Amino acid sequence: MQGTIVENISNLYKIDTSNKIYEATARGKFKKEEISPVVGDIVEIEVIDEENRKAVIDKIEKRKVYIKRPKLANITQIALVISSKNPKPDLLMLDKQLAFAEFLRIKSLIILNKTDLDQKEEFREIKNTYKKIGYKVLETEAKNQKGINELEQELKNNINSFSGNSGVGKSTLINGLFKKDITLEGEISKRNKRGKNTTTSIKLYKIDEQTYIADTPGFSTFSIEEIESKELAKYFVEFRNKIEQCEFVGCTHIKEENCGIKKAVQKGEISVARYERFCKIYQELKQREEKNKW
């Protein structure tokens, strides 16, 4: 029997086989093969107790996508949630996540939540920046259910991972999609305006037979270290066709003078702010690479 792992708590796995949920352990052979089942894996199971829905995982099918941290397999779209206010938009984190989605070759959906709190409507500039380079951007007010229907349509026929800093409203959006409190909603600290991370384990929530949503832990576990600093520019979508205009092969797009990307920034073809965030992410990756050498 085949199914999808929808939850993992202390090496007990919940397997969705379309019409039934089984609780399963993994065969010992996986330890020898140095592989562990993760949420999102498609697996073959052997039922050992039908009455109590107990099973054992026999085989893990080949993964189309695998994220090391947080551990998640086979997602097809990342829904990147940022808040317009409380907490303020973290565009550096957003650009890291977008680059990682491009690296994984999966779709990205940007969700601008809490637009009702942004009295100056500063979120519109963010929306225009990312729409211009080809990303789908939705406006939502999770507490007021605004934008939920459009969001549901964008999630259809995908295994979606909701990602973003703590407190941006991921859990509230998911609860809105299901019209009930299926996840624990976070509270925003009034003192420091930062989110308190409430999601402690990854879980897939099923909307229909072809659509799942993963609620993942907050930003502290998000890592893009699999991307090499020298490759980063390839994963900024508007940079790609400018790289060939660089004078030097292996241009870092940081210090070089005759750089196609830097010239595009000067001409207004690439956002200055996004280029500056690219430089920060590049330096972070470079520093980690230098550290790992030693």
Protein backbone atom coordinates (compact mmCIF):
# COMPACT_ATOMS: atom_id res chain seq x y z
CA MET A 1 0.00 0.00 0.00
CA GLN A 2 1.28 3.47 -0.88
CA GLY A 3 0.76 6.76 0.94
CA THR A 4 2.21 10.16 1.85
CA ILE A 5 3.85 10.98 5.18
CA VAL A 6 1.84 13.86 6.62
CA GLU A 7 3.38 14.05 10.10
CA ASN A 8 6.42 12.83 12.05
CA ILE A 9 6.58 12.93 15.84
CA SER A 10 9.42 11.09 17.58
CA ASN A 11 9.91 8.68 14.64
CA LEU A 12 6.23 7.78 14.51
CA TYR A 13 4.88 8.61 11.08
CA LYS A 14 1.31 9.33 10.04
CA ILE A 15 0.68 8.02 6.52
CA ASP A 16 -2.20 9.26 4.37
CA THR A 17 -3.33 6.55 1.95
CA SER A 18 -6.18 8.68 0.52
CA ASN A 19 -9.00 7.02 2.45
CA LYS A 20 -7.23 6.09 5.71
CA ILE A 21 -4.50 7.39 8.03
CA TYR A 22 -2.03 4.85 9.41
CA GLU A 23 0.55 5.28 12.17
CA ALA A 24 3.83 3.70 11.14
CA THR A 25 7.39 3.07 12.22
CA ALA A 26 10.28 2.75 9.75
CA ARG A 27 12.14 -0.50 9.03
CA GLY A 28 15.58 -0.77 10.61
CA LYS A 29 17.17 -1.08 7.16
CA PHE A 30 16.78 2.68 6.62
CA LYS A 31 19.31 3.38 9.40
CA LYS A 32 21.85 1.16 7.64
CA GLU A 33 21.17 2.99 4.39
CA GLU A 34 21.56 6.29 6.29
CA ILE A 35 18.19 7.59 5.15
CA SER A 36 15.22 8.66 7.26
CA PRO A 37 11.63 9.14 6.11
CA VAL A 38 10.48 12.76 6.21
CA VAL A 39 7.18 14.61 5.84
CA GLY A 40 6.18 14.71 2.18
CA ASP A 41 7.78 11.37 1.33
CA ILE A 42 5.75 8.93 -0.75
CA VAL A 43 6.20 5.54 0.90
CA GLU A 44 5.14 1.92 0.63
CA ILE A 45 3.80 0.45 3.86
CA GLU A 46 2.95 -2.96 5.23
CA VAL A 47 -0.15 -2.96 7.43
CA ILE A 48 0.45 -4.97 10.62
CA ASP A 49 -2.76 -4.11 12.50
CA GLU A 50 -5.70 -2.97 10.36
CA GLU A 51 -8.06 -2.45 13.29
CA ASN A 52 -5.73 0.01 15.05
CA ARG A 53 -4.29 1.36 11.77
CA LYS A 54 -0.69 0.35 12.54
CA ALA A 55 1.89 -0.15 9.80
CA VAL A 56 5.59 -0.31 8.93
CA ILE A 57 7.31 1.73 6.22
CA ASP A 58 8.93 -0.64 3.72
CA LYS A 59 10.14 1.69 0.98
CA ILE A 60 10.71 5.41 0.36
CA GLU A 61 10.05 6.39 -3.23
CA LYS A 62 12.59 8.56 -5.05
CA ARG A 63 12.25 12.20 -3.97
CA LYS A 64 11.65 14.92 -6.56
CA VAL A 65 12.70 17.61 -4.07
CA TYR A 66 14.39 17.41 -0.67
CA ILE A 67 14.97 20.21 1.82
CA LYS A 68 17.50 19.45 4.55
CA ARG A 69 16.36 22.07 7.03
CA PRO A 70 13.49 21.95 7.80
CA LYS A 71 13.30 18.32 6.59
CA LEU A 72 10.63 18.14 3.89
CA ALA A 73 10.24 16.21 0.62
CA ASN A 74 8.43 16.56 -2.70
CA ILE A 75 6.98 20.05 -2.30
CA THR A 76 6.06 21.75 -5.57
CA GLN A 77 5.45 25.32 -4.38
CA ILE A 78 6.68 27.56 -1.57
CA ALA A 79 4.17 30.10 -0.28
CA LEU A 80 6.35 32.87 1.13
CA VAL A 81 4.49 34.93 3.69
CA ILE A 82 5.64 38.39 4.76
CA SER A 83 3.67 40.86 6.84
CA SER A 84 3.14 44.48 5.89
CA LYS A 85 3.38 45.48 9.56
CA ASN A 86 4.00 43.84 12.94
CA PRO A 87 6.53 42.42 12.28
CA LYS A 88 7.91 44.65 9.54
CA PRO A 89 8.60 43.06 6.12
CA ASP A 90 11.82 41.05 6.10
CA LEU A 91 12.80 41.34 2.43
CA LEU A 92 16.27 39.88 3.01
CA MET A 93 14.64 36.66 4.22
CA LEU A 94 12.18 36.80 1.30
CA ASP A 95 15.03 37.05 -1.23
CA LYS A 96 16.85 34.15 0.41
CA GLN A 97 13.72 32.03 0.15
CA LEU A 98 13.05 33.03 -3.47
CA ALA A 99 16.64 32.14 -4.41
CA PHE A 100 16.30 28.78 -2.66
CA ALA A 101 13.03 28.04 -4.49
CA GLU A 102 14.79 28.78 -7.81
CA PHE A 103 17.65 26.50 -6.71
CA LEU A 104 15.14 23.70 -5.98
CA ARG A 105 13.30 24.45 -9.27
CA ILE A 106 9.94 24.82 -7.60
CA LYS A 107 7.32 27.55 -7.85
CA SER A 108 7.12 30.55 -5.54
CA LEU A 109 4.04 32.42 -4.36
CA ILE A 110 4.50 35.66 -2.39
CA ILE A 111 1.80 36.49 0.16
CA LEU A 112 1.69 40.04 1.54
CA ASN A 113 -0.32 39.60 4.73
CA LYS A 114 -1.70 42.18 7.19
CA THR A 115 -2.11 44.80 4.46
CA ASP A 116 -4.88 46.38 6.58
CA LEU A 117 -2.26 47.40 9.17
CA ASP A 118 -0.19 49.30 6.59
CA GLN A 119 -1.90 52.69 6.64
CA LYS A 120 0.68 54.23 4.28
CA GLU A 121 0.29 51.27 1.88
CA GLU A 122 4.05 50.84 1.66
CA PHE A 123 3.41 47.21 0.70
CA ARG A 124 2.47 48.37 -2.82
CA GLU A 125 6.11 49.14 -3.62
CA ILE A 126 7.07 45.64 -2.48
CA LYS A 127 4.29 44.15 -4.60
CA ASN A 128 5.35 46.10 -7.70
CA THR A 129 9.03 45.12 -7.29
CA TYR A 130 8.29 41.40 -7.29
CA LYS A 131 5.49 41.46 -9.87
CA LYS A 132 7.85 43.27 -12.24
CA ILE A 133 10.32 40.38 -12.14
CA GLY A 134 7.62 37.79 -12.70
CA TYR A 135 6.45 36.55 -9.30
CA LYS A 136 2.81 36.08 -8.33
CA VAL A 137 2.00 38.35 -5.37
CA LEU A 138 -1.22 38.11 -3.33
CA GLU A 139 -2.56 40.60 -0.79
CA THR A 140 -4.24 39.09 2.25
CA GLU A 141 -5.77 40.04 5.57
CA ALA A 142 -5.82 36.69 7.31
CA LYS A 143 -7.79 37.90 10.35
CA ASN A 144 -10.50 39.35 8.08
CA GLN A 145 -10.50 36.43 5.60
CA LYS A 146 -9.61 38.81 2.76
CA GLY A 147 -7.78 37.14 -0.14
CA ILE A 148 -8.33 33.60 1.20
CA ASN A 149 -10.35 32.40 -1.83
CA GLU A 150 -7.72 33.63 -4.30
CA LEU A 151 -5.00 32.02 -2.17
CA GLU A 152 -6.84 28.70 -2.19
CA GLN A 153 -6.92 28.74 -6.00
CA GLU A 154 -3.18 29.41 -6.20
CA LEU A 155 -2.45 26.47 -3.89
CA LYS A 156 -4.51 23.95 -5.92
CA ASN A 157 -2.80 20.78 -7.16
CA ASN A 158 0.42 21.49 -5.25
CA ILE A 159 2.20 20.28 -2.14
CA ASN A 160 2.73 23.72 -0.66
CA SER A 161 5.16 24.76 2.04
CA PHE A 162 4.20 27.89 3.97
CA SER A 163 7.36 29.72 4.97
CA GLY A 164 8.23 33.03 6.57
CA ASN A 165 9.31 34.64 9.80
CA SER A 166 7.42 33.89 13.00
CA GLY A 167 4.43 36.15 13.56
CA VAL A 168 3.72 36.95 9.90
CA GLY A 169 0.42 35.04 9.99
CA LYS A 170 1.16 31.66 8.41
CA SER A 171 -0.96 29.71 10.90
CA THR A 172 -3.81 32.24 10.71
CA LEU A 173 -3.84 31.91 6.90
CA ILE A 174 -3.92 28.12 7.12
CA ASN A 175 -6.76 28.25 9.66
CA GLY A 176 -8.59 30.61 7.29
CA LEU A 177 -8.23 28.16 4.40
CA PHE A 178 -9.75 25.35 6.48
CA LYS A 179 -12.25 27.68 8.21
CA LYS A 180 -11.27 26.26 11.60
CA ASP A 181 -8.39 26.44 14.04
CA ILE A 182 -6.26 23.50 12.93
CA THR A 183 -2.95 25.13 13.85
CA LEU A 184 -1.86 27.02 16.93
CA GLU A 185 -1.91 30.74 16.19
CA GLY A 186 1.03 32.81 17.38
CA GLU A 187 0.82 35.97 19.39
CA ILE A 188 2.76 39.09 18.52
CA SER A 189 4.82 40.51 21.33
CA LYS A 190 3.59 44.05 21.80
CA ARG A 191 6.87 44.99 23.41
CA ASN A 192 9.27 44.09 20.61
CA LYS A 193 6.88 43.45 17.69
CA ARG A 194 8.53 40.11 17.00
CA GLY A 195 6.72 36.83 16.52
CA LYS A 196 6.77 34.02 19.02
CA ASN A 197 7.37 30.82 17.11
CA THR A 198 4.49 28.43 17.83
CA THR A 199 4.96 25.74 15.16
CA THR A 200 7.32 23.09 16.50
CA SER A 201 6.96 20.26 13.98
CA ILE A 202 6.24 19.99 10.27
CA LYS A 203 2.80 18.74 9.33
CA LEU A 204 0.98 18.38 6.02
CA TYR A 205 -2.64 19.52 6.01
CA LYS A 206 -4.83 18.09 3.24
CA ILE A 207 -7.16 20.39 1.31
CA ASP A 208 -8.11 17.80 -1.32
CA GLU A 209 -6.62 14.70 -2.96
CA GLN A 210 -4.11 16.76 -4.96
CA THR A 211 -3.46 19.64 -2.54
CA TYR A 212 -1.51 19.76 0.71
CA ILE A 213 -0.17 22.56 2.88
CA ALA A 214 2.93 22.22 5.07
CA ASP A 215 3.18 24.47 8.09
CA THR A 216 6.87 24.67 8.91
CA PRO A 217 8.80 26.11 11.86
CA GLY A 218 9.82 29.76 11.66
CA PHE A 219 12.82 31.43 10.09
CA SER A 220 15.38 30.16 12.59
CA THR A 221 15.56 26.79 10.80
CA PHE A 222 15.62 28.17 7.26
CA SER A 223 18.96 27.60 5.53
CA ILE A 224 20.18 28.18 1.97
CA GLU A 225 23.76 27.04 2.54
CA GLU A 226 23.43 24.48 -0.28
CA ILE A 227 23.78 27.37 -2.73
CA GLU A 228 27.39 28.27 -3.56
CA SER A 229 28.16 31.99 -3.41
CA LYS A 230 29.49 31.95 -6.98
CA GLU A 231 26.17 30.48 -8.20
CA LEU A 232 23.85 32.82 -6.28
CA ALA A 233 23.23 35.29 -9.14
CA LYS A 234 21.67 32.50 -11.23
CA TYR A 235 18.88 32.24 -8.66
CA PHE A 236 17.93 35.92 -8.81
CA VAL A 237 15.61 35.66 -11.80
CA GLU A 238 16.13 39.17 -13.17
CA PHE A 239 19.93 38.78 -13.01
CA ARG A 240 20.14 35.75 -15.30
CA ASN A 241 20.13 37.41 -18.71
CA LYS A 242 22.57 40.08 -17.51
CA ILE A 243 25.33 37.65 -16.43
CA GLU A 244 26.48 37.06 -20.03
CA GLN A 245 27.13 40.81 -20.33
CA CYS A 246 29.83 40.65 -17.64
CA GLU A 247 33.39 41.18 -18.93
CA PHE A 248 34.93 38.40 -16.84
CA VAL A 249 33.95 34.75 -16.55
CA GLY A 250 33.34 34.07 -12.87
CA CYS A 251 32.35 37.68 -12.16
CA THR A 252 31.15 37.97 -8.57
CA HIS A 253 28.96 41.01 -9.45
CA ILE A 254 30.30 42.73 -6.33
CA LYS A 255 33.66 44.45 -6.99
CA GLU A 256 34.07 44.18 -10.77
CA GLU A 257 33.66 47.31 -12.91
CA ASN A 258 32.40 45.91 -16.22
CA CYS A 259 29.62 43.81 -14.69
CA GLY A 260 26.38 43.31 -16.61
CA ILE A 261 24.33 43.13 -13.42
CA LYS A 262 25.79 46.31 -11.93
CA LYS A 263 25.22 48.17 -15.21
CA ALA A 264 21.58 47.00 -15.19
CA VAL A 265 21.23 48.36 -11.63
CA GLN A 266 22.63 51.72 -12.77
CA LYS A 267 20.15 51.81 -15.68
CA GLY A 268 17.22 51.09 -13.34
CA GLU A 269 16.57 47.67 -14.92
CA ILE A 270 17.28 45.91 -11.61
CA SER A 271 16.07 47.16 -8.22
CA VAL A 272 18.88 48.80 -6.22
CA ALA A 273 17.44 47.41 -2.97
CA ARG A 274 17.27 43.87 -4.33
CA TYR A 275 20.85 44.11 -5.63
CA GLU A 276 21.99 45.29 -2.18
CA ARG A 277 20.25 42.30 -0.58
CA PHE A 278 21.95 40.02 -3.13
CA CYS A 279 25.31 41.44 -1.96
CA LYS A 280 24.44 40.71 1.69
CA ILE A 281 23.39 37.13 0.93
CA TYR A 282 26.52 36.63 -1.20
CA GLN A 283 28.74 37.78 1.68
CA GLU A 284 26.91 35.50 4.14
CA LEU A 285 27.43 32.48 1.88
CA LYS A 286 31.05 33.44 1.20
CA GLN A 287 31.84 33.80 4.91
CA ARG A 288 30.30 30.40 5.65
CA GLU A 289 32.35 28.82 2.84
CA GLU A 290 35.56 30.38 4.18
CA LYS A 291 34.74 29.20 7.69
CA ASN A 292 34.07 25.64 6.50
CA LYS A 293 37.47 25.50 4.80
CA TRP A 294 39.10 25.58 8.20
